[in-house]
All heavy atoms as atom14 arrays in JSON, in Angstrom:
{
  "sequence": "YRIGNSENADATLKGEIIRISRSPARSVRGNVLATSEFNLAMRER",
  "atom14_mask": [
    [1, 1, 1, 1, 1, 1, 1, 1, 1, 1, 1, 1, 0, 0],
    [1, 1, 1, 1, 1, 1, 1, 1, 1, 1, 1, 0, 0, 0],
    [1, 1, 1, 1, 1, 1, 1, 1, 0, 0, 0, 0, 0, 0],
    [1, 1, 1, 1, 0, 0, 0, 0, 0, 0, 0, 0, 0, 0],
    [1, 1, 1, 1, 1, 1, 1, 1, 0, 0, 0, 0, 0, 0],
    [1, 1, 1, 1, 1, 1, 0, 0, 0, 0, 0, 0, 0, 0],
    [1, 1, 1, 1, 1, 1, 1, 1, 1, 0, 0, 0, 0, 0],
    [1, 1, 1, 1, 1, 1, 1, 1, 0, 0, 0, 0, 0, 0],
    [1, 1, 1, 1, 1, 0, 0, 0, 0, 0, 0, 0, 0, 0],
    [1, 1, 1, 1, 1, 1, 1, 1, 0, 0, 0, 0, 0, 0],
    [1, 1, 1, 1, 1, 0, 0, 0, 0, 0, 0, 0, 0, 0],
    [1, 1, 1, 1, 1, 1, 1, 0, 0, 0, 0, 0, 0, 0],
    [1, 1, 1, 1, 1, 1, 1, 1, 0, 0, 0, 0, 0, 0],
    [1, 1, 1, 1, 1, 1, 1, 1, 1, 0, 0, 0, 0, 0],
    [1, 1, 1, 1, 0, 0, 0, 0, 0, 0, 0, 0, 0, 0],
    [1, 1, 1, 1, 1, 1, 1, 1, 1, 0, 0, 0, 0, 0],
    [1, 1, 1, 1, 1, 1, 1, 1, 0, 0, 0, 0, 0, 0],
    [1, 1, 1, 1, 1, 1, 1, 1, 0, 0, 0, 0, 0, 0],
    [1, 1, 1, 1, 1, 1, 1, 1, 1, 1, 1, 0, 0, 0],
    [1, 1, 1, 1, 1, 1, 1, 1, 0, 0, 0, 0, 0, 0],
    [1, 1, 1, 1, 1, 1, 0, 0, 0, 0, 0, 0, 0, 0],
    [1, 1, 1, 1, 1, 1, 1, 1, 1, 1, 1, 0, 0, 0],
    [1, 1, 1, 1, 1, 1, 0, 0, 0, 0, 0, 0, 0, 0],
    [1, 1, 1, 1, 1, 1, 1, 0, 0, 0, 0, 0, 0, 0],
    [1, 1, 1, 1, 1, 0, 0, 0, 0, 0, 0, 0, 0, 0],
    [1, 1, 1, 1, 1, 1, 1, 1, 1, 1, 1, 0, 0, 0],
    [1, 1, 1, 1, 1, 1, 0, 0, 0, 0, 0, 0, 0, 0],
    [1, 1, 1, 1, 1, 1, 1, 0, 0, 0, 0, 0, 0, 0],
    [1, 1, 1, 1, 1, 1, 1, 1, 1, 1, 1, 0, 0, 0],
    [1, 1, 1, 1, 0, 0, 0, 0, 0, 0, 0, 0, 0, 0],
    [1, 1, 1, 1, 1, 1, 1, 1, 0, 0, 0, 0, 0, 0],
    [1, 1, 1, 1, 1, 1, 1, 0, 0, 0, 0, 0, 0, 0],
    [1, 1, 1, 1, 1, 1, 1, 1, 0, 0, 0, 0, 0, 0],
    [1, 1, 1, 1, 1, 0, 0, 0, 0, 0, 0, 0, 0, 0],
    [1, 1, 1, 1, 1, 1, 1, 0, 0, 0, 0, 0, 0, 0],
    [1, 1, 1, 1, 1, 1, 0, 0, 0, 0, 0, 0, 0, 0],
    [1, 1, 1, 1, 1, 1, 1, 1, 1, 0, 0, 0, 0, 0],
    [1, 1, 1, 1, 1, 1, 1, 1, 1, 1, 1, 0, 0, 0],
    [1, 1, 1, 1, 1, 1, 1, 1, 0, 0, 0, 0, 0, 0],
    [1, 1, 1, 1, 1, 1, 1, 1, 0, 0, 0, 0, 0, 0],
    [1, 1, 1, 1, 1, 0, 0, 0, 0, 0, 0, 0, 0, 0],
    [1, 1, 1, 1, 1, 1, 1, 1, 0, 0, 0, 0, 0, 0],
    [1, 1, 1, 1, 1, 1, 1, 1, 1, 1, 1, 0, 0, 0],
    [1, 1, 1, 1, 1, 1, 1, 1, 1, 0, 0, 0, 0, 0],
    [1, 1, 1, 1, 1, 1, 1, 1, 1, 1, 1, 0, 0, 0]
  ],
  "atom14_positions": [
    [[7.38, -11.6, 17.56], [8.65, -12.12, 17.05], [9.77, -11.14, 17.36], [9.56, -9.93, 17.36], [8.58, -12.31, 15.53], [7.47, -13.21, 15.06], [6.3, -12.68, 14.53], [7.58, -14.58, 15.17], [5.28, -13.5, 14.11], [6.56, -15.41, 14.75], [5.41, -14.86, 14.21], [4.4, -15.68, 13.8], [0.0, 0.0, 0.0], [0.0, 0.0, 0.0]],
    [[10.96, -11.68, 17.59], [12.15, -10.84, 17.74], [12.75, -10.63, 16.36], [12.66, -11.48, 15.5], [13.18, -11.5, 18.66], [12.76, -11.55, 20.11], [13.89, -12.0, 21.01], [14.76, -12.99, 20.41], [14.78, -14.28, 20.71], [13.98, -14.74, 21.63], [15.61, -15.11, 20.11], [0.0, 0.0, 0.0], [0.0, 0.0, 0.0], [0.0, 0.0, 0.0]],
    [[13.42, -9.5, 16.19], [14.09, -9.21, 14.93], [15.55, -9.61, 15.09], [16.2, -9.23, 16.07], [13.98, -7.71, 14.56], [12.51, -7.28, 14.51], [14.68, -7.42, 13.25], [11.69, -7.99, 13.48], [0.0, 0.0, 0.0], [0.0, 0.0, 0.0], [0.0, 0.0, 0.0], [0.0, 0.0, 0.0], [0.0, 0.0, 0.0], [0.0, 0.0, 0.0]],
    [[16.07, -10.37, 14.15], [17.46, -10.8, 14.2], [18.09, -10.7, 12.82], [17.47, -10.25, 11.86], [0.0, 0.0, 0.0], [0.0, 0.0, 0.0], [0.0, 0.0, 0.0], [0.0, 0.0, 0.0], [0.0, 0.0, 0.0], [0.0, 0.0, 0.0], [0.0, 0.0, 0.0], [0.0, 0.0, 0.0], [0.0, 0.0, 0.0], [0.0, 0.0, 0.0]],
    [[19.34, -11.14, 12.75], [20.01, -11.15, 11.44], [19.82, -12.52, 10.81], [19.29, -13.44, 11.41], [21.48, -10.78, 11.57], [22.22, -11.66, 12.56], [21.82, -12.79, 12.79], [23.28, -11.14, 13.13], [0.0, 0.0, 0.0], [0.0, 0.0, 0.0], [0.0, 0.0, 0.0], [0.0, 0.0, 0.0], [0.0, 0.0, 0.0], [0.0, 0.0, 0.0]],
    [[20.29, -12.67, 9.58], [20.03, -13.9, 8.84], [20.75, -15.11, 9.43], [20.33, -16.24, 9.19], [20.43, -13.72, 7.38], [21.79, -13.35, 7.29], [0.0, 0.0, 0.0], [0.0, 0.0, 0.0], [0.0, 0.0, 0.0], [0.0, 0.0, 0.0], [0.0, 0.0, 0.0], [0.0, 0.0, 0.0], [0.0, 0.0, 0.0], [0.0, 0.0, 0.0]],
    [[21.8, -14.9, 10.21], [22.52, -16.03, 10.8], [21.79, -16.66, 11.98], [21.86, -17.86, 12.19], [23.92, -15.6, 11.27], [24.9, -15.34, 10.13], [24.75, -13.93, 9.59], [24.4, -13.01, 10.37], [24.94, -13.75, 8.38], [0.0, 0.0, 0.0], [0.0, 0.0, 0.0], [0.0, 0.0, 0.0], [0.0, 0.0, 0.0], [0.0, 0.0, 0.0]],
    [[21.09, -15.85, 12.78], [20.46, -16.41, 13.98], [18.93, -16.41, 13.93], [18.29, -16.69, 14.92], [20.93, -15.65, 15.23], [20.47, -14.21, 15.25], [19.77, -13.75, 14.36], [20.88, -13.49, 16.26], [0.0, 0.0, 0.0], [0.0, 0.0, 0.0], [0.0, 0.0, 0.0], [0.0, 0.0, 0.0], [0.0, 0.0, 0.0], [0.0, 0.0, 0.0]],
    [[18.34, -16.14, 12.78], [16.88, -16.08, 12.68], [16.29, -17.44, 12.32], [16.92, -18.25, 11.64], [16.48, -15.06, 11.62], [0.0, 0.0, 0.0], [0.0, 0.0, 0.0], [0.0, 0.0, 0.0], [0.0, 0.0, 0.0], [0.0, 0.0, 0.0], [0.0, 0.0, 0.0], [0.0, 0.0, 0.0], [0.0, 0.0, 0.0], [0.0, 0.0, 0.0]],
    [[15.08, -17.68, 12.82], [14.35, -18.9, 12.48], [13.69, -18.8, 11.11], [13.43, -19.82, 10.47], [13.27, -19.18, 13.53], [13.86, -19.35, 14.92], [14.94, -19.95, 15.03], [13.22, -18.89, 15.89], [0.0, 0.0, 0.0], [0.0, 0.0, 0.0], [0.0, 0.0, 0.0], [0.0, 0.0, 0.0], [0.0, 0.0, 0.0], [0.0, 0.0, 0.0]],
    [[13.4, -17.59, 10.66], [12.75, -17.36, 9.37], [13.21, -16.03, 8.81], [13.7, -15.17, 9.55], [11.24, -17.37, 9.52], [0.0, 0.0, 0.0], [0.0, 0.0, 0.0], [0.0, 0.0, 0.0], [0.0, 0.0, 0.0], [0.0, 0.0, 0.0], [0.0, 0.0, 0.0], [0.0, 0.0, 0.0], [0.0, 0.0, 0.0], [0.0, 0.0, 0.0]],
    [[13.05, -15.86, 7.52], [13.4, -14.61, 6.85], [12.19, -14.1, 6.1], [11.55, -14.85, 5.35], [14.57, -14.82, 5.87], [15.7, -15.33, 6.59], [14.96, -13.53, 5.19], [0.0, 0.0, 0.0], [0.0, 0.0, 0.0], [0.0, 0.0, 0.0], [0.0, 0.0, 0.0], [0.0, 0.0, 0.0], [0.0, 0.0, 0.0], [0.0, 0.0, 0.0]],
    [[11.86, -12.82, 6.31], [10.75, -12.18, 5.61], [11.34, -11.33, 4.49], [12.05, -10.36, 4.74], [9.94, -11.31, 6.56], [8.83, -10.48, 5.92], [7.74, -11.39, 5.37], [8.25, -9.51, 6.93], [0.0, 0.0, 0.0], [0.0, 0.0, 0.0], [0.0, 0.0, 0.0], [0.0, 0.0, 0.0], [0.0, 0.0, 0.0], [0.0, 0.0, 0.0]],
    [[11.06, -11.71, 3.25], [11.55, -10.96, 2.09], [10.36, -10.27, 1.43], [9.28, -10.86, 1.33], [12.24, -11.87, 1.1], [13.52, -12.48, 1.65], [14.19, -13.36, 0.62], [15.46, -13.95, 1.21], [16.13, -14.83, 0.25], [0.0, 0.0, 0.0], [0.0, 0.0, 0.0], [0.0, 0.0, 0.0], [0.0, 0.0, 0.0], [0.0, 0.0, 0.0]],
    [[10.58, -9.04, 0.99], [9.52, -8.3, 0.33], [10.01, -7.62, -0.93], [11.19, -7.32, -1.07], [0.0, 0.0, 0.0], [0.0, 0.0, 0.0], [0.0, 0.0, 0.0], [0.0, 0.0, 0.0], [0.0, 0.0, 0.0], [0.0, 0.0, 0.0], [0.0, 0.0, 0.0], [0.0, 0.0, 0.0], [0.0, 0.0, 0.0], [0.0, 0.0, 0.0]],
    [[9.08, -7.4, -1.86], [9.4, -6.76, -3.12], [8.33, -5.73, -3.42], [7.14, -6.05, -3.43], [9.46, -7.82, -4.22], [9.91, -7.3, -5.54], [10.05, -8.43, -6.54], [11.08, -9.13, -6.5], [9.12, -8.62, -7.34], [0.0, 0.0, 0.0], [0.0, 0.0, 0.0], [0.0, 0.0, 0.0], [0.0, 0.0, 0.0], [0.0, 0.0, 0.0]],
    [[8.75, -4.5, -3.65], [7.82, -3.42, -3.99], [7.78, -3.36, -5.51], [8.75, -2.97, -6.15], [8.27, -2.09, -3.38], [8.41, -2.25, -1.87], [7.3, -0.98, -3.73], [9.16, -1.13, -1.2], [0.0, 0.0, 0.0], [0.0, 0.0, 0.0], [0.0, 0.0, 0.0], [0.0, 0.0, 0.0], [0.0, 0.0, 0.0], [0.0, 0.0, 0.0]],
    [[6.65, -3.74, -6.07], [6.54, -3.87, -7.52], [5.94, -2.61, -8.15], [6.42, -2.11, -9.15], [5.68, -5.09, -7.89], [6.36, -6.35, -7.37], [5.46, -5.17, -9.38], [5.5, -7.57, -7.48], [0.0, 0.0, 0.0], [0.0, 0.0, 0.0], [0.0, 0.0, 0.0], [0.0, 0.0, 0.0], [0.0, 0.0, 0.0], [0.0, 0.0, 0.0]],
    [[4.87, -2.1, -7.55], [4.17, -0.96, -8.14], [3.54, -0.13, -7.05], [3.11, -0.64, -6.02], [3.09, -1.46, -9.09], [2.4, -0.36, -9.84], [1.35, -0.9, -10.73], [0.34, -1.56, -9.88], [-0.62, -2.32, -10.35], [-0.72, -2.56, -11.62], [-1.49, -2.86, -9.54], [0.0, 0.0, 0.0], [0.0, 0.0, 0.0], [0.0, 0.0, 0.0]],
    [[3.46, 1.15, -7.29], [2.81, 2.07, -6.36], [1.77, 2.83, -7.17], [2.1, 3.47, -8.16], [3.84, 3.02, -5.72], [4.84, 2.21, -4.9], [3.15, 4.07, -4.88], [5.98, 3.01, -4.36], [0.0, 0.0, 0.0], [0.0, 0.0, 0.0], [0.0, 0.0, 0.0], [0.0, 0.0, 0.0], [0.0, 0.0, 0.0], [0.0, 0.0, 0.0]],
    [[0.51, 2.76, -6.76], [-0.55, 3.41, -7.52], [-1.65, 3.91, -6.6], [-1.7, 3.57, -5.43], [-1.13, 2.45, -8.56], [-1.72, 1.36, -7.91], [0.0, 0.0, 0.0], [0.0, 0.0, 0.0], [0.0, 0.0, 0.0], [0.0, 0.0, 0.0], [0.0, 0.0, 0.0], [0.0, 0.0, 0.0], [0.0, 0.0, 0.0], [0.0, 0.0, 0.0]],
    [[-2.55, 4.72, -7.18], [-3.69, 5.27, -6.44], [-4.92, 5.13, -7.31], [-4.87, 5.36, -8.52], [-3.42, 6.74, -6.14], [-4.52, 7.43, -5.4], [-4.19, 8.86, -5.18], [-4.49, 9.63, -6.38], [-4.55, 10.94, -6.42], [-4.29, 11.64, -5.36], [-4.84, 11.55, -7.54], [0.0, 0.0, 0.0], [0.0, 0.0, 0.0], [0.0, 0.0, 0.0]],
    [[-6.05, 4.76, -6.69], [-7.29, 4.61, -7.45], [-8.44, 5.18, -6.63], [-8.42, 5.14, -5.41], [-7.54, 3.14, -7.77], [-7.69, 2.41, -6.58], [0.0, 0.0, 0.0], [0.0, 0.0, 0.0], [0.0, 0.0, 0.0], [0.0, 0.0, 0.0], [0.0, 0.0, 0.0], [0.0, 0.0, 0.0], [0.0, 0.0, 0.0], [0.0, 0.0, 0.0]],
    [[-9.45, 5.73, -7.31], [-10.6, 6.27, -6.58], [-11.41, 5.18, -5.9], [-11.61, 4.11, -6.47], [-11.43, 6.98, -7.66], [-10.95, 6.44, -8.95], [-9.56, 5.92, -8.74], [0.0, 0.0, 0.0], [0.0, 0.0, 0.0], [0.0, 0.0, 0.0], [0.0, 0.0, 0.0], [0.0, 0.0, 0.0], [0.0, 0.0, 0.0], [0.0, 0.0, 0.0]],
    [[-11.84, 5.45, -4.68], [-12.62, 4.47, -3.92], [-14.08, 4.89, -3.81], [-14.97, 4.05, -3.79], [-12.03, 4.29, -2.53], [0.0, 0.0, 0.0], [0.0, 0.0, 0.0], [0.0, 0.0, 0.0], [0.0, 0.0, 0.0], [0.0, 0.0, 0.0], [0.0, 0.0, 0.0], [0.0, 0.0, 0.0], [0.0, 0.0, 0.0], [0.0, 0.0, 0.0]],
    [[-14.34, 6.18, -3.72], [-15.72, 6.66, -3.52], [-15.89, 7.98, -4.26], [-15.06, 8.87, -4.16], [-15.96, 6.85, -2.03], [-17.39, 7.13, -1.68], [-17.58, 7.16, -0.21], [-17.3, 5.82, 0.31], [-17.47, 5.47, 1.55], [-17.93, 6.32, 2.42], [-17.19, 4.25, 1.96], [0.0, 0.0, 0.0], [0.0, 0.0, 0.0], [0.0, 0.0, 0.0]],
    [[-17.0, 8.11, -4.97], [-17.28, 9.33, -5.71], [-18.12, 10.28, -4.87], [-18.79, 9.88, -3.92], [-18.05, 9.01, -7.0], [-17.28, 8.19, -7.83], [0.0, 0.0, 0.0], [0.0, 0.0, 0.0], [0.0, 0.0, 0.0], [0.0, 0.0, 0.0], [0.0, 0.0, 0.0], [0.0, 0.0, 0.0], [0.0, 0.0, 0.0], [0.0, 0.0, 0.0]],
    [[-18.11, 11.55, -5.27], [-18.95, 12.55, -4.62], [-20.39, 12.3, -5.04], [-20.67, 12.0, -6.2], [-18.5, 13.97, -5.05], [-19.43, 15.04, -4.48], [-17.07, 14.22, -4.62], [0.0, 0.0, 0.0], [0.0, 0.0, 0.0], [0.0, 0.0, 0.0], [0.0, 0.0, 0.0], [0.0, 0.0, 0.0], [0.0, 0.0, 0.0], [0.0, 0.0, 0.0]],
    [[-21.3, 12.41, -4.09], [-22.71, 12.16, -4.38], [-23.19, 13.19, -5.41], [-23.01, 14.39, -5.25], [-23.53, 12.29, -3.11], [-25.0, 11.99, -3.33], [-25.76, 12.04, -2.06], [-25.42, 10.83, -1.3], [-25.89, 10.54, -0.11], [-26.71, 11.38, 0.48], [-25.55, 9.44, 0.51], [0.0, 0.0, 0.0], [0.0, 0.0, 0.0], [0.0, 0.0, 0.0]],
    [[-23.76, 12.7, -6.49], [-24.28, 13.57, -7.53], [-23.27, 13.87, -8.62], [-23.62, 14.46, -9.63], [0.0, 0.0, 0.0], [0.0, 0.0, 0.0], [0.0, 0.0, 0.0], [0.0, 0.0, 0.0], [0.0, 0.0, 0.0], [0.0, 0.0, 0.0], [0.0, 0.0, 0.0], [0.0, 0.0, 0.0], [0.0, 0.0, 0.0], [0.0, 0.0, 0.0]],
    [[-21.99, 13.5, -8.44], [-20.98, 13.75, -9.45], [-20.01, 12.56, -9.46], [-19.08, 12.5, -8.68], [-20.23, 15.05, -9.16], [-19.25, 15.4, -10.26], [-19.11, 14.68, -11.24], [-18.56, 16.51, -10.08], [0.0, 0.0, 0.0], [0.0, 0.0, 0.0], [0.0, 0.0, 0.0], [0.0, 0.0, 0.0], [0.0, 0.0, 0.0], [0.0, 0.0, 0.0]],
    [[-20.23, 11.66, -10.38], [-19.42, 10.44, -10.41], [-18.01, 10.69, -10.92], [-17.14, 9.84, -10.8], [-20.11, 9.33, -11.26], [-21.39, 8.89, -10.61], [-20.32, 9.8, -12.69], [0.0, 0.0, 0.0], [0.0, 0.0, 0.0], [0.0, 0.0, 0.0], [0.0, 0.0, 0.0], [0.0, 0.0, 0.0], [0.0, 0.0, 0.0], [0.0, 0.0, 0.0]],
    [[-17.78, 11.87, -11.5], [-16.44, 12.19, -11.99], [-15.52, 12.74, -10.9], [-14.31, 12.73, -11.04], [-16.52, 13.17, -13.16], [-17.29, 12.65, -14.39], [-17.37, 13.74, -15.44], [-16.62, 11.41, -14.94], [0.0, 0.0, 0.0], [0.0, 0.0, 0.0], [0.0, 0.0, 0.0], [0.0, 0.0, 0.0], [0.0, 0.0, 0.0], [0.0, 0.0, 0.0]],
    [[-16.11, 13.23, -9.81], [-15.32, 13.76, -8.69], [-15.16, 12.67, -7.63], [-16.08, 11.91, -7.37], [-16.01, 14.98, -8.09], [0.0, 0.0, 0.0], [0.0, 0.0, 0.0], [0.0, 0.0, 0.0], [0.0, 0.0, 0.0], [0.0, 0.0, 0.0], [0.0, 0.0, 0.0], [0.0, 0.0, 0.0], [0.0, 0.0, 0.0], [0.0, 0.0, 0.0]],
    [[-13.98, 12.61, -7.03], [-13.68, 11.56, -6.06], [-13.58, 12.14, -4.67], [-12.94, 13.18, -4.45], [-12.35, 10.88, -6.43], [-12.46, 10.39, -7.76], [-12.04, 9.75, -5.5], [0.0, 0.0, 0.0], [0.0, 0.0, 0.0], [0.0, 0.0, 0.0], [0.0, 0.0, 0.0], [0.0, 0.0, 0.0], [0.0, 0.0, 0.0], [0.0, 0.0, 0.0]],
    [[-14.21, 11.48, -3.69], [-14.13, 11.93, -2.31], [-13.16, 11.1, -1.48], [-12.65, 11.55, -0.47], [-15.51, 11.91, -1.66], [-16.0, 10.58, -1.6], [0.0, 0.0, 0.0], [0.0, 0.0, 0.0], [0.0, 0.0, 0.0], [0.0, 0.0, 0.0], [0.0, 0.0, 0.0], [0.0, 0.0, 0.0], [0.0, 0.0, 0.0], [0.0, 0.0, 0.0]],
    [[-12.9, 9.84, -1.89], [-11.95, 8.97, -1.19], [-11.11, 8.22, -2.2], [-11.59, 7.86, -3.27], [-12.68, 7.93, -0.32], [-13.16, 8.45, 0.98], [-13.77, 7.33, 1.82], [-13.31, 6.18, 1.71], [-14.7, 7.63, 2.58], [0.0, 0.0, 0.0], [0.0, 0.0, 0.0], [0.0, 0.0, 0.0], [0.0, 0.0, 0.0], [0.0, 0.0, 0.0]],
    [[-9.84, 8.01, -1.84], [-8.93, 7.27, -2.69], [-8.41, 6.05, -1.96], [-8.27, 6.06, -0.74], [-7.72, 8.14, -3.07], [-8.01, 9.18, -4.08], [-8.3, 10.48, -3.69], [-7.98, 8.9, -5.43], [-8.56, 11.46, -4.61], [-8.24, 9.87, -6.37], [-8.53, 11.16, -5.97], [0.0, 0.0, 0.0], [0.0, 0.0, 0.0], [0.0, 0.0, 0.0]],
    [[-8.14, 5.0, -2.7], [-7.34, 3.89, -2.19], [-5.9, 4.23, -2.55], [-5.56, 4.3, -3.73], [-7.73, 2.57, -2.85], [-9.03, 2.04, -2.33], [-9.38, 2.26, -1.18], [-9.76, 1.34, -3.17], [0.0, 0.0, 0.0], [0.0, 0.0, 0.0], [0.0, 0.0, 0.0], [0.0, 0.0, 0.0], [0.0, 0.0, 0.0], [0.0, 0.0, 0.0]],
    [[-5.1, 4.45, -1.55], [-3.71, 4.83, -1.8], [-2.86, 3.58, -1.72], [-2.85, 2.87, -0.72], [-3.23, 5.84, -0.77], [-1.78, 6.27, -0.91], [-1.57, 6.98, -2.23], [-1.39, 7.17, 0.23], [0.0, 0.0, 0.0], [0.0, 0.0, 0.0], [0.0, 0.0, 0.0], [0.0, 0.0, 0.0], [0.0, 0.0, 0.0], [0.0, 0.0, 0.0]],
    [[-2.17, 3.33, -2.78], [-1.23, 2.22, -2.81], [0.16, 2.81, -3.07], [0.79, 2.54, -4.07], [-1.63, 1.22, -3.88], [0.0, 0.0, 0.0], [0.0, 0.0, 0.0], [0.0, 0.0, 0.0], [0.0, 0.0, 0.0], [0.0, 0.0, 0.0], [0.0, 0.0, 0.0], [0.0, 0.0, 0.0], [0.0, 0.0, 0.0], [0.0, 0.0, 0.0]],
    [[0.56, 3.7, -2.19], [1.87, 4.34, -2.23], [2.15, 5.08, -3.53], [2.93, 4.64, -4.35], [2.97, 3.31, -1.99], [2.98, 2.73, -0.65], [4.46, 1.78, -0.52], [4.12, 0.88, 0.93], [0.0, 0.0, 0.0], [0.0, 0.0, 0.0], [0.0, 0.0, 0.0], [0.0, 0.0, 0.0], [0.0, 0.0, 0.0], [0.0, 0.0, 0.0]],
    [[1.55, 6.21, -3.72], [1.77, 7.0, -4.93], [2.42, 8.33, -4.59], [3.39, 8.71, -5.2], [0.43, 7.22, -5.64], [0.52, 8.0, -6.89], [0.84, 7.08, -8.01], [0.9, 7.8, -9.26], [1.63, 7.39, -10.26], [2.36, 6.33, -10.15], [1.62, 8.05, -11.38], [0.0, 0.0, 0.0], [0.0, 0.0, 0.0], [0.0, 0.0, 0.0]],
    [[1.81, 9.05, -3.68], [2.32, 10.39, -3.35], [3.37, 10.28, -2.26], [3.21, 9.56, -1.29], [1.16, 11.26, -2.88], [0.11, 11.45, -3.97], [-1.1, 12.15, -3.43], [-1.04, 12.68, -2.3], [-2.11, 12.16, -4.12], [0.0, 0.0, 0.0], [0.0, 0.0, 0.0], [0.0, 0.0, 0.0], [0.0, 0.0, 0.0], [0.0, 0.0, 0.0]],
    [[4.42, 11.01, -2.41], [5.55, 10.93, -1.48], [5.15, 11.33, -0.06], [5.61, 10.75, 0.9], [6.68, 11.85, -1.99], [7.94, 11.74, -1.19], [8.59, 10.41, -1.43], [9.78, 10.3, -0.62], [10.39, 9.18, -0.36], [9.94, 8.07, -0.85], [11.45, 9.15, 0.39], [0.0, 0.0, 0.0], [0.0, 0.0, 0.0], [0.0, 0.0, 0.0]]
  ]
}
């Protein structure tokens, strides 16, 4: 798709950033309290 302005575009893509968070995805083997991987949903700058 080409990027255009609202006057000459066939469609408009609107987005809303509601929340930014981080959650653990995988724990360290043998220690379920320690995390080895995170799912980052835009938390750290």
